[in-house]
């Protein structure tokens, strides 16, 4: 399953940020439109680095499909950033 929504929240020491909902499914529209160019660049990169084209496609698909459920929290100097991918 591809990720559909990301929730981003940024908090500082003096300001508590509201969660920002980013609809990731809208990013698929430009990806689909640019897919011929993306495939051409990917095939050239695979040829240049001698990597199997189908293995590169398979790896990319497995990374994208494993993104839902990702929860990243970073704290530094009183600032916090949280990103959840649903």
C-alpha atoms as a PDB file:
ATOM      1  CA  UNK A   1       0.000   0.000   0.000  1.00  0.00           C
ATOM      2  CA  UNK A   2       1.341   3.422  -0.876  1.00  0.00           C
ATOM      3  CA  UNK A   3       1.392   6.167   1.746  1.00  0.00           C
ATOM      4  CA  UNK A   4      -1.522   8.571   1.500  1.00  0.00           C
ATOM      5  CA  UNK A   5      -1.123  11.151   4.284  1.00  0.00           C
ATOM      6  CA  UNK A   6       1.797  12.626   6.245  1.00  0.00           C
ATOM      7  CA  UNK A   7       1.362  14.588   9.463  1.00  0.00           C
ATOM      8  CA  UNK A   8       4.108  17.108  10.262  1.00  0.00           C
ATOM      9  CA  UNK A   9       4.320  18.956  13.580  1.00  0.00           C
ATOM     10  CA  UNK A  10       7.051  21.420  14.587  1.00  0.00           C
ATOM     11  CA  UNK A  11       7.395  22.621  18.180  1.00  0.00           C
ATOM     12  CA  UNK A  12       9.859  25.172  19.530  1.00  0.00           C
ATOM     13  CA  UNK A  13      10.513  26.170  23.117  1.00  0.00           C
ATOM     14  CA  UNK A  14       8.104  29.115  22.894  1.00  0.00           C
ATOM     15  CA  UNK A  15       5.678  27.961  20.236  1.00  0.00           C
ATOM     16  CA  UNK A  16       3.595  24.799  20.016  1.00  0.00           C
ATOM     17  CA  UNK A  17       2.872  23.995  16.384  1.00  0.00           C
ATOM     18  CA  UNK A  18      -0.381  22.592  15.096  1.00  0.00           C
ATOM     19  CA  UNK A  19      -0.173  19.382  13.065  1.00  0.00           C
ATOM     20  CA  UNK A  20       0.014  19.979   9.304  1.00  0.00           C
ATOM     21  CA  UNK A  21      -1.646  17.290   7.210  1.00  0.00           C
ATOM     22  CA  UNK A  22       0.073  16.727   3.858  1.00  0.00           C
ATOM     23  CA  UNK A  23      -1.918  14.639   1.339  1.00  0.00           C
ATOM     24  CA  UNK A  24       0.755  12.471  -0.280  1.00  0.00           C
ATOM     25  CA  UNK A  25      -1.627  10.970  -2.808  1.00  0.00           C
ATOM     26  CA  UNK A  26      -1.612  14.338  -4.622  1.00  0.00           C
ATOM     27  CA  UNK A  27       2.125  13.882  -5.251  1.00  0.00           C
ATOM     28  CA  UNK A  28       1.354  10.889  -7.460  1.00  0.00           C
ATOM     29  CA  UNK A  29      -0.161  13.173 -10.137  1.00  0.00           C
ATOM     30  CA  UNK A  30       3.173  14.809 -11.110  1.00  0.00           C
ATOM     31  CA  UNK A  31       4.962  11.467 -10.720  1.00  0.00           C
ATOM     32  CA  UNK A  32       2.611   9.871 -13.240  1.00  0.00           C
ATOM     33  CA  UNK A  33       3.014  12.798 -15.646  1.00  0.00           C
ATOM     34  CA  UNK A  34       6.809  12.704 -15.358  1.00  0.00           C
ATOM     35  CA  UNK A  35       7.076   8.906 -15.423  1.00  0.00           C
ATOM     36  CA  UNK A  36       8.562   8.652 -18.954  1.00  0.00           C
ATOM     37  CA  UNK A  37      11.359  11.035 -17.980  1.00  0.00           C
ATOM     38  CA  UNK A  38      11.861   9.303 -14.617  1.00  0.00           C
ATOM     39  CA  UNK A  39      12.131   5.886 -16.292  1.00  0.00           C
ATOM     40  CA  UNK A  40      14.608   7.230 -18.844  1.00  0.00           C
ATOM     41  CA  UNK A  41      16.841   8.724 -16.141  1.00  0.00           C
ATOM     42  CA  UNK A  42      16.529   5.563 -14.035  1.00  0.00           C
ATOM     43  CA  UNK A  43      17.485   3.310 -16.943  1.00  0.00           C
ATOM     44  CA  UNK A  44      20.512   5.522 -17.744  1.00  0.00           C
ATOM     45  CA  UNK A  45      21.600   5.458 -14.089  1.00  0.00           C
ATOM     46  CA  UNK A  46      21.193   1.684 -13.940  1.00  0.00           C
ATOM     47  CA  UNK A  47      23.257   1.285 -17.110  1.00  0.00           C
ATOM     48  CA  UNK A  48      25.934   3.656 -15.781  1.00  0.00           C
ATOM     49  CA  UNK A  49      26.296   1.907 -12.412  1.00  0.00           C
ATOM     50  CA  UNK A  50      25.631  -1.596 -13.822  1.00  0.00           C
ATOM     51  CA  UNK A  51      22.576  -2.291 -11.680  1.00  0.00           C
ATOM     52  CA  UNK A  52      19.662  -4.398 -12.862  1.00  0.00           C
ATOM     53  CA  UNK A  53      16.796  -2.133 -13.963  1.00  0.00           C
ATOM     54  CA  UNK A  54      14.145  -4.491 -12.594  1.00  0.00           C
ATOM     55  CA  UNK A  55      15.946  -4.824  -9.271  1.00  0.00           C
ATOM     56  CA  UNK A  56      16.037  -1.011  -8.966  1.00  0.00           C
ATOM     57  CA  UNK A  57      12.286  -0.797  -9.719  1.00  0.00           C
ATOM     58  CA  UNK A  58      11.583  -3.571  -7.210  1.00  0.00           C
ATOM     59  CA  UNK A  59      13.651  -1.878  -4.512  1.00  0.00           C
ATOM     60  CA  UNK A  60      11.925   1.472  -5.086  1.00  0.00           C
ATOM     61  CA  UNK A  61       8.466  -0.136  -4.901  1.00  0.00           C
ATOM     62  CA  UNK A  62       9.337  -1.975  -1.686  1.00  0.00           C
ATOM     63  CA  UNK A  63      10.634   1.219  -0.065  1.00  0.00           C
ATOM     64  CA  UNK A  64       7.512   3.192  -1.022  1.00  0.00           C
ATOM     65  CA  UNK A  65       5.148   0.449   0.132  1.00  0.00           C
ATOM     66  CA  UNK A  66       6.920   0.146   3.508  1.00  0.00           C
ATOM     67  CA  UNK A  67       6.569   3.872   4.337  1.00  0.00           C
ATOM     68  CA  UNK A  68       3.097   3.737   5.987  1.00  0.00           C
ATOM     69  CA  UNK A  69       3.522   3.463   9.723  1.00  0.00           C
ATOM     70  CA  UNK A  70       6.749   5.464   9.782  1.00  0.00           C
ATOM     71  CA  UNK A  71       7.021   7.705  12.851  1.00  0.00           C
ATOM     72  CA  UNK A  72      10.030  10.039  13.071  1.00  0.00           C
ATOM     73  CA  UNK A  73      10.610  12.278  16.098  1.00  0.00           C
ATOM     74  CA  UNK A  74      13.645  14.560  16.396  1.00  0.00           C
ATOM     75  CA  UNK A  75      14.478  16.654  19.483  1.00  0.00           C
ATOM     76  CA  UNK A  76      17.348  19.157  19.652  1.00  0.00           C
ATOM     77  CA  UNK A  77      17.893  22.309  21.728  1.00  0.00           C
ATOM     78  CA  UNK A  78      14.293  22.440  22.936  1.00  0.00           C
ATOM     79  CA  UNK A  79      12.888  22.109  19.406  1.00  0.00           C
ATOM     80  CA  UNK A  80      10.934  19.068  18.308  1.00  0.00           C
ATOM     81  CA  UNK A  81       9.897  17.856  14.859  1.00  0.00           C
ATOM     82  CA  UNK A  82       7.493  14.967  14.392  1.00  0.00           C
ATOM     83  CA  UNK A  83       6.622  13.313  11.061  1.00  0.00           C
ATOM     84  CA  UNK A  84       4.118  10.469  10.819  1.00  0.00           C
ATOM     85  CA  UNK A  85       3.260   8.764   7.547  1.00  0.00           C
ATOM     86  CA  UNK A  86      -0.112   7.030   7.439  1.00  0.00           C
END
